C-alpha atoms as a PDB file:
ATOM      1  CA  MET A   1     -29.246-112.870  23.513  1.00  0.00           C
ATOM      2  CA  ASP A   2     -26.951-110.445  22.726  1.00  0.00           C
ATOM      3  CA  LYS A   3     -27.793-106.358  23.152  1.00  0.00           C
ATOM      4  CA  LYS A   4     -28.445-105.776  19.274  1.00  0.00           C
ATOM      5  CA  ARG A   5     -31.065-108.099  19.347  1.00  0.00           C
ATOM      6  CA  ILE A   6     -32.992-106.770  22.428  1.00  0.00           C
ATOM      7  CA  VAL A   7     -32.636-103.252  20.923  1.00  0.00           C
ATOM      8  CA  SER A   8     -33.695-104.212  17.619  1.00  0.00           C
ATOM      9  CA  ILE A   9     -37.007-105.943  19.140  1.00  0.00           C
ATOM     10  CA  PHE A  10     -37.996-102.941  21.468  1.00  0.00           C
ATOM     11  CA  SER A  11     -37.113-100.450  18.726  1.00  0.00           C
ATOM     12  CA  THR A  12     -39.863-102.432  16.583  1.00  0.00           C
ATOM     13  CA  LEU A  13     -42.219-102.972  19.034  1.00  0.00           C
ATOM     14  CA  LYS A  14     -41.938 -99.353  20.133  1.00  0.00           C
ATOM     15  CA  ARG A  15     -42.412 -98.266  16.477  1.00  0.00           C
ATOM     16  CA  GLY A  16     -46.031-100.226  16.239  1.00  0.00           C
ATOM     17  CA  HIS A  17     -47.040 -98.868  19.478  1.00  0.00           C
ATOM     18  CA  PRO A  18     -45.128 -95.650  20.414  1.00  0.00           C
ATOM     19  CA  GLU A  19     -47.029 -94.561  23.716  1.00  0.00           C
ATOM     20  CA  PRO A  20     -48.344 -97.577  25.175  1.00  0.00           C
ATOM     21  CA  LYS A  21     -50.301 -97.561  28.402  1.00  0.00           C
ATOM     22  CA  SER A  22     -51.921 -99.901  31.142  1.00  0.00           C
ATOM     23  CA  GLU A  23     -55.315-101.014  29.968  1.00  0.00           C
ATOM     24  CA  LEU A  24     -56.434-100.438  32.930  1.00  0.00           C
ATOM     25  CA  ASP A  25     -58.662 -97.641  33.270  1.00  0.00           C
ATOM     26  CA  TYR A  26     -57.460 -95.147  36.421  1.00  0.00           C
ATOM     27  CA  ARG A  27     -57.201 -91.267  37.083  1.00  0.00           C
ATOM     28  CA  ASN A  28     -54.816 -91.357  40.652  1.00  0.00           C
ATOM     29  CA  SER A  29     -51.939 -93.901  42.100  1.00  0.00           C
ATOM     30  CA  PHE A  30     -54.965 -95.204  43.886  1.00  0.00           C
ATOM     31  CA  GLU A  31     -57.444 -95.967  41.421  1.00  0.00           C
ATOM     32  CA  LEU A  32     -54.420 -98.083  39.700  1.00  0.00           C
ATOM     33  CA  LEU A  33     -53.591 -99.554  42.938  1.00  0.00           C
ATOM     34  CA  VAL A  34     -56.840-100.844  43.506  1.00  0.00           C
ATOM     35  CA  ALA A  35     -57.061-101.531  39.627  1.00  0.00           C
ATOM     36  CA  VAL A  36     -54.587-103.772  39.828  1.00  0.00           C
ATOM     37  CA  VAL A  37     -55.443-105.826  42.949  1.00  0.00           C
ATOM     38  CA  LEU A  38     -58.838-106.486  41.300  1.00  0.00           C
ATOM     39  CA  SER A  39     -57.392-107.629  37.876  1.00  0.00           C
ATOM     40  CA  ALA A  40     -55.565-110.745  39.623  1.00  0.00           C
ATOM     41  CA  GLN A  41     -57.252-113.851  37.822  1.00  0.00           C
ATOM     42  CA  ALA A  42     -59.410-111.539  36.278  1.00  0.00           C
ATOM     43  CA  THR A  43     -59.502-109.253  32.946  1.00  0.00           C
ATOM     44  CA  ASP A  44     -58.364-106.001  32.262  1.00  0.00           C
ATOM     45  CA  LYS A  45     -62.208-105.466  30.265  1.00  0.00           C
ATOM     46  CA  GLY A  46     -63.851-107.086  33.171  1.00  0.00           C
ATOM     47  CA  VAL A  47     -62.107-104.687  35.643  1.00  0.00           C
ATOM     48  CA  ASN A  48     -63.119-101.666  33.582  1.00  0.00           C
ATOM     49  CA  LYS A  49     -66.700-102.660  33.712  1.00  0.00           C
ATOM     50  CA  ALA A  50     -66.719-102.606  37.454  1.00  0.00           C
ATOM     51  CA  THR A  51     -64.249 -99.607  38.670  1.00  0.00           C
ATOM     52  CA  PRO A  52     -66.275 -96.437  36.809  1.00  0.00           C
ATOM     53  CA  GLY A  53     -68.767 -97.209  39.749  1.00  0.00           C
ATOM     54  CA  LEU A  54     -66.528 -98.248  42.580  1.00  0.00           C
ATOM     55  CA  PHE A  55     -64.097 -95.110  41.707  1.00  0.00           C
ATOM     56  CA  ALA A  56     -67.454 -92.596  41.897  1.00  0.00           C
ATOM     57  CA  LYS A  57     -67.783 -93.527  45.176  1.00  0.00           C
ATOM     58  CA  ALA A  58     -64.442 -93.984  46.349  1.00  0.00           C
ATOM     59  CA  PRO A  59     -61.396 -92.138  44.684  1.00  0.00           C
ATOM     60  CA  ASP A  60     -59.289 -92.308  47.493  1.00  0.00           C
ATOM     61  CA  ALA A  61     -58.726 -94.537  50.499  1.00  0.00           C
ATOM     62  CA  THR A  62     -60.358 -92.228  53.058  1.00  0.00           C
ATOM     63  CA  ALA A  63     -63.691 -92.897  50.562  1.00  0.00           C
ATOM     64  CA  MET A  64     -63.477 -96.360  50.183  1.00  0.00           C
ATOM     65  CA  VAL A  65     -62.916 -96.961  54.012  1.00  0.00           C
ATOM     66  CA  ALA A  66     -66.495 -94.791  54.418  1.00  0.00           C
ATOM     67  CA  LEU A  67     -68.018 -97.153  51.746  1.00  0.00           C
ATOM     68  CA  GLY A  68     -67.151-100.136  53.736  1.00  0.00           C
ATOM     69  CA  GLU A  69     -66.486-103.770  52.717  1.00  0.00           C
ATOM     70  CA  GLU A  70     -70.149-104.427  51.688  1.00  0.00           C
ATOM     71  CA  GLY A  71     -70.098-101.229  49.464  1.00  0.00           C
ATOM     72  CA  ILE A  72     -66.913-102.366  47.980  1.00  0.00           C
ATOM     73  CA  ARG A  73     -68.194-106.159  47.165  1.00  0.00           C
ATOM     74  CA  GLU A  74     -71.769-104.640  45.486  1.00  0.00           C
ATOM     75  CA  GLN A  75     -69.317-102.923  43.113  1.00  0.00           C
ATOM     76  CA  ILE A  76     -67.192-105.239  42.197  1.00  0.00           C
ATOM     77  CA  ARG A  77     -69.380-108.457  42.305  1.00  0.00           C
ATOM     78  CA  SER A  78     -69.116-109.122  38.671  1.00  0.00           C
ATOM     79  CA  ILE A  79     -65.086-109.432  39.269  1.00  0.00           C
ATOM     80  CA  GLY A  80     -64.098-113.163  40.432  1.00  0.00           C
ATOM     81  CA  LEU A  81     -62.999-113.626  43.994  1.00  0.00           C
ATOM     82  CA  PHE A  82     -64.904-110.126  44.727  1.00  0.00           C
ATOM     83  CA  ASN A  83     -65.379-111.114  48.375  1.00  0.00           C
ATOM     84  CA  ASN A  84     -61.591-112.028  49.090  1.00  0.00           C
ATOM     85  CA  LYS A  85     -61.068-108.890  47.073  1.00  0.00           C
ATOM     86  CA  ALA A  86     -63.286-106.489  48.819  1.00  0.00           C
ATOM     87  CA  LYS A  87     -61.959-107.400  51.955  1.00  0.00           C
ATOM     88  CA  ASN A  88     -58.516-106.875  50.674  1.00  0.00           C
ATOM     89  CA  ILE A  89     -59.257-103.481  49.246  1.00  0.00           C
ATOM     90  CA  LEU A  90     -60.749-102.323  52.407  1.00  0.00           C
ATOM     91  CA  ALA A  91     -57.446-103.894  54.439  1.00  0.00           C
ATOM     92  CA  LEU A  92     -55.198-101.869  51.979  1.00  0.00           C
ATOM     93  CA  SER A  93     -57.443 -98.529  52.264  1.00  0.00           C
ATOM     94  CA  HIS A  94     -57.071 -98.596  56.350  1.00  0.00           C
ATOM     95  CA  ILE A  95     -53.182 -99.152  56.215  1.00  0.00           C
ATOM     96  CA  LEU A  96     -52.580 -96.176  53.762  1.00  0.00           C
ATOM     97  CA  LEU A  97     -54.267 -94.056  56.381  1.00  0.00           C
ATOM     98  CA  GLU A  98     -52.998 -95.158  59.453  1.00  0.00           C
ATOM     99  CA  ARG A  99     -49.033 -95.845  57.831  1.00  0.00           C
ATOM    100  CA  HIS A 100     -48.992 -93.603  55.090  1.00  0.00           C
ATOM    101  CA  ASN A 101     -51.219 -90.198  55.115  1.00  0.00           C
ATOM    102  CA  GLY A 102     -53.567 -91.993  52.656  1.00  0.00           C
ATOM    103  CA  GLU A 103     -50.833 -91.666  49.921  1.00  0.00           C
ATOM    104  CA  VAL A 104     -49.767 -94.935  47.621  1.00  0.00           C
ATOM    105  CA  PRO A 105     -46.068 -95.678  48.725  1.00  0.00           C
ATOM    106  CA  GLN A 106     -43.472 -95.631  46.784  1.00  0.00           C
ATOM    107  CA  THR A 107     -41.219 -98.166  47.444  1.00  0.00           C
ATOM    108  CA  ARG A 108     -41.665-102.119  47.044  1.00  0.00           C
ATOM    109  CA  GLU A 109     -41.407-103.245  50.548  1.00  0.00           C
ATOM    110  CA  ALA A 110     -44.395-100.995  51.717  1.00  0.00           C
ATOM    111  CA  LEU A 111     -46.536-101.823  48.243  1.00  0.00           C
ATOM    112  CA  GLU A 112     -46.171-105.950  49.091  1.00  0.00           C
ATOM    113  CA  ALA A 113     -47.001-105.425  52.579  1.00  0.00           C
ATOM    114  CA  LEU A 114     -50.388-104.108  51.573  1.00  0.00           C
ATOM    115  CA  PRO A 115     -52.962-107.085  51.538  1.00  0.00           C
ATOM    116  CA  GLY A 116     -53.709-108.765  48.033  1.00  0.00           C
ATOM    117  CA  VAL A 117     -50.387-106.709  46.987  1.00  0.00           C
ATOM    118  CA  GLY A 118     -47.791-108.978  45.232  1.00  0.00           C
ATOM    119  CA  ARG A 119     -44.614-108.190  43.703  1.00  0.00           C
ATOM    120  CA  LYS A 120     -46.419-108.195  40.254  1.00  0.00           C
ATOM    121  CA  THR A 121     -48.419-105.397  41.026  1.00  0.00           C
ATOM    122  CA  ALA A 122     -46.169-103.768  43.380  1.00  0.00           C
ATOM    123  CA  ASN A 123     -44.041-103.424  39.922  1.00  0.00           C
ATOM    124  CA  VAL A 124     -47.252-102.424  37.663  1.00  0.00           C
ATOM    125  CA  VAL A 125     -47.629 -99.432  40.497  1.00  0.00           C
ATOM    126  CA  LEU A 126     -44.038 -98.345  40.497  1.00  0.00           C
ATOM    127  CA  ASN A 127     -43.799 -98.211  36.709  1.00  0.00           C
ATOM    128  CA  VAL A 128     -46.760 -96.855  35.976  1.00  0.00           C
ATOM    129  CA  ALA A 129     -47.621 -94.585  38.645  1.00  0.00           C
ATOM    130  CA  PHE A 130     -44.569 -93.478  39.764  1.00  0.00           C
ATOM    131  CA  GLY A 131     -41.825 -94.202  36.661  1.00  0.00           C
ATOM    132  CA  GLN A 132     -39.566 -96.609  38.447  1.00  0.00           C
ATOM    133  CA  HIS A 133     -38.099 -99.144  36.124  1.00  0.00           C
ATOM    134  CA  THR A 134     -39.599-102.301  36.915  1.00  0.00           C
ATOM    135  CA  LEU A 135     -40.754-105.117  35.303  1.00  0.00           C
ATOM    136  CA  ALA A 136     -44.278-106.894  35.789  1.00  0.00           C
ATOM    137  CA  VAL A 137     -43.900-110.221  34.479  1.00  0.00           C
ATOM    138  CA  ASP A 138     -47.651-111.832  33.914  1.00  0.00           C
ATOM    139  CA  THR A 139     -48.236-114.523  31.670  1.00  0.00           C
ATOM    140  CA  HIS A 140     -47.736-112.729  28.933  1.00  0.00           C
ATOM    141  CA  VAL A 141     -44.370-110.911  29.533  1.00  0.00           C
ATOM    142  CA  PHE A 142     -43.605-114.669  30.258  1.00  0.00           C
ATOM    143  CA  ARG A 143     -44.568-116.246  27.499  1.00  0.00           C
ATOM    144  CA  VAL A 144     -43.089-113.492  25.355  1.00  0.00           C
ATOM    145  CA  SER A 145     -39.716-113.352  27.445  1.00  0.00           C
ATOM    146  CA  ASN A 146     -39.036-117.250  26.926  1.00  0.00           C
ATOM    147  CA  ARG A 147     -40.218-117.583  23.255  1.00  0.00           C
ATOM    148  CA  THR A 148     -38.132-114.766  21.945  1.00  0.00           C
ATOM    149  CA  GLY A 149     -35.360-115.762  24.161  1.00  0.00           C
ATOM    150  CA  MET A 150     -34.399-112.257  26.339  1.00  0.00           C
ATOM    151  CA  ALA A 151     -35.079-114.498  29.360  1.00  0.00           C
ATOM    152  CA  VAL A 152     -35.519-117.720  29.266  1.00  0.00           C
ATOM    153  CA  ALA A 153     -37.215-119.042  32.778  1.00  0.00           C
ATOM    154  CA  LYS A 154     -39.064-121.439  34.665  1.00  0.00           C
ATOM    155  CA  THR A 155     -40.629-118.795  37.121  1.00  0.00           C
ATOM    156  CA  PRO A 156     -41.649-114.981  36.806  1.00  0.00           C
ATOM    157  CA  THR A 157     -39.792-113.997  39.057  1.00  0.00           C
ATOM    158  CA  ALA A 158     -36.531-115.176  37.789  1.00  0.00           C
ATOM    159  CA  VAL A 159     -37.619-113.915  34.365  1.00  0.00           C
ATOM    160  CA  GLU A 160     -38.052-110.660  35.957  1.00  0.00           C
ATOM    161  CA  LYS A 161     -34.618-111.168  36.823  1.00  0.00           C
ATOM    162  CA  GLY A 162     -33.121-111.992  33.785  1.00  0.00           C
ATOM    163  CA  LEU A 163     -34.798-109.159  31.524  1.00  0.00           C
ATOM    164  CA  LEU A 164     -33.807-106.658  34.421  1.00  0.00           C
ATOM    165  CA  LYS A 165     -30.227-107.893  32.902  1.00  0.00           C
ATOM    166  CA  VAL A 166     -31.039-107.220  29.586  1.00  0.00           C
ATOM    167  CA  VAL A 167     -33.248-104.433  28.629  1.00  0.00           C
ATOM    168  CA  PRO A 168     -31.305-101.600  27.771  1.00  0.00           C
ATOM    169  CA  ALA A 169     -32.572 -98.043  30.340  1.00  0.00           C
ATOM    170  CA  GLU A 170     -34.154 -96.797  27.383  1.00  0.00           C
ATOM    171  CA  PHE A 171     -36.872 -98.940  26.671  1.00  0.00           C
ATOM    172  CA  MET A 172     -37.538 -99.797  30.639  1.00  0.00           C
ATOM    173  CA  ASP A 173     -40.352 -96.774  31.122  1.00  0.00           C
ATOM    174  CA  HIS A 174     -42.697 -99.093  28.266  1.00  0.00           C
ATOM    175  CA  ALA A 175     -41.096-102.573  28.557  1.00  0.00           C
ATOM    176  CA  HIS A 176     -43.339-104.363  30.049  1.00  0.00           C
ATOM    177  CA  HIS A 177     -46.486-102.694  28.369  1.00  0.00           C
ATOM    178  CA  TRP A 178     -44.783-103.764  24.592  1.00  0.00           C
ATOM    179  CA  MET A 179     -44.274-107.634  26.113  1.00  0.00           C
ATOM    180  CA  ILE A 180     -47.686-107.395  27.467  1.00  0.00           C
ATOM    181  CA  HIS A 181     -49.607-105.954  24.159  1.00  0.00           C
ATOM    182  CA  HIS A 182     -47.483-108.139  21.766  1.00  0.00           C
ATOM    183  CA  GLY A 183     -48.407-111.439  24.159  1.00  0.00           C
ATOM    184  CA  ARG A 184     -52.102-110.541  24.182  1.00  0.00           C
ATOM    185  CA  TYR A 185     -52.626-109.677  20.993  1.00  0.00           C
ATOM    186  CA  VAL A 186     -49.895-111.736  18.691  1.00  0.00           C
ATOM    187  CA  CYS A 187     -47.784-113.579  20.281  1.00  0.00           C
ATOM    188  CA  LYS A 188     -50.806-116.025  22.039  1.00  0.00           C
ATOM    189  CA  ALA A 189     -50.568-119.092  23.909  1.00  0.00           C
ATOM    190  CA  ARG A 190     -52.241-121.336  21.791  1.00  0.00           C
ATOM    191  CA  LYS A 191     -52.422-119.950  18.360  1.00  0.00           C
ATOM    192  CA  PRO A 192     -49.652-117.095  18.249  1.00  0.00           C
ATOM    193  CA  ASP A 193     -50.108-115.442  15.173  1.00  0.00           C
ATOM    194  CA  CYS A 194     -46.242-115.989  13.784  1.00  0.00           C
ATOM    195  CA  GLU A 195     -47.002-114.385  10.463  1.00  0.00           C
ATOM    196  CA  ASN A 196     -48.008-111.187  11.393  1.00  0.00           C
ATOM    197  CA  CYS A 197     -45.150-111.121  14.371  1.00  0.00           C
ATOM    198  CA  THR A 198     -42.993-107.929  13.674  1.00  0.00           C
ATOM    199  CA  ILE A 199     -40.134-109.318  15.534  1.00  0.00           C
ATOM    200  CA  ARG A 200     -40.269-112.932  14.633  1.00  0.00           C
ATOM    201  CA  GLN A 201     -37.022-112.489  12.822  1.00  0.00           C
ATOM    202  CA  TRP A 202     -35.145-111.953  16.556  1.00  0.00           C
ATOM    203  CA  CYS A 203     -37.367-114.619  17.937  1.00  0.00           C
ATOM    204  CA  ASN A 204     -36.203-118.307  19.227  1.00  0.00           C
ATOM    205  CA  THR A 205     -38.973-120.272  18.666  1.00  0.00           C
ATOM    206  CA  TRP A 206     -39.388-118.839  15.088  1.00  0.00           C
ATOM    207  CA  LEU A 207     -35.970-119.361  14.542  1.00  0.00           C
ATOM    208  CA  GLU A 208     -35.896-122.723  15.135  1.00  0.00           C
ATOM    209  CA  ALA A 209     -39.301-123.899  13.752  1.00  0.00           C
ATOM    210  CA  ASP A 210     -38.115-122.163  10.417  1.00  0.00           C
ATOM    211  CA  ASN A 211     -34.819-124.158  10.952  1.00  0.00           C
ATOM    212  CA  ARG A 212     -36.809-127.659  10.873  1.00  0.00           C
END
């Protein structure tokens, strides 16, 4: 896909959603990290229902350690895999205190060394909390990228690497948020709303279907 088409796609997404933000609720980088860890195999809405109580008791690593595994578990019981997530949140809080003075690190290597933190989670934190030009590839970004042809690949990591090569720097601050929003509400997995898609004229899937 040529640069002009990619610029057209993101310019259009930007006009429709000028200042996209994470749909997870958080007040600081620690809460963002915890919320993203909790969001694995769970919906943002489900996480947002559980985190107000958790963050009221534990807004930072010190308070999270003091709350303990059982206390964390009680606050996140409504979220899938809550037992394992409670263990990971407690363990990562300990590591933040022991190695990072209680602060969320700003490097991929340090973030991925934390329990429950993979590449996607690290990318979200680096981008949203620290403004780094990373691209978190979830199911929505993966789908939109492949359907539009911006980066066609079989794995999230390959899609990420492909997107990093072609997405202009001017759009990198919000690129994955625009793609997530579009994939969640328009370019849906089972019934994509192509008729109301603002970027369909640059979408490979739409063009192929339209030319049959």
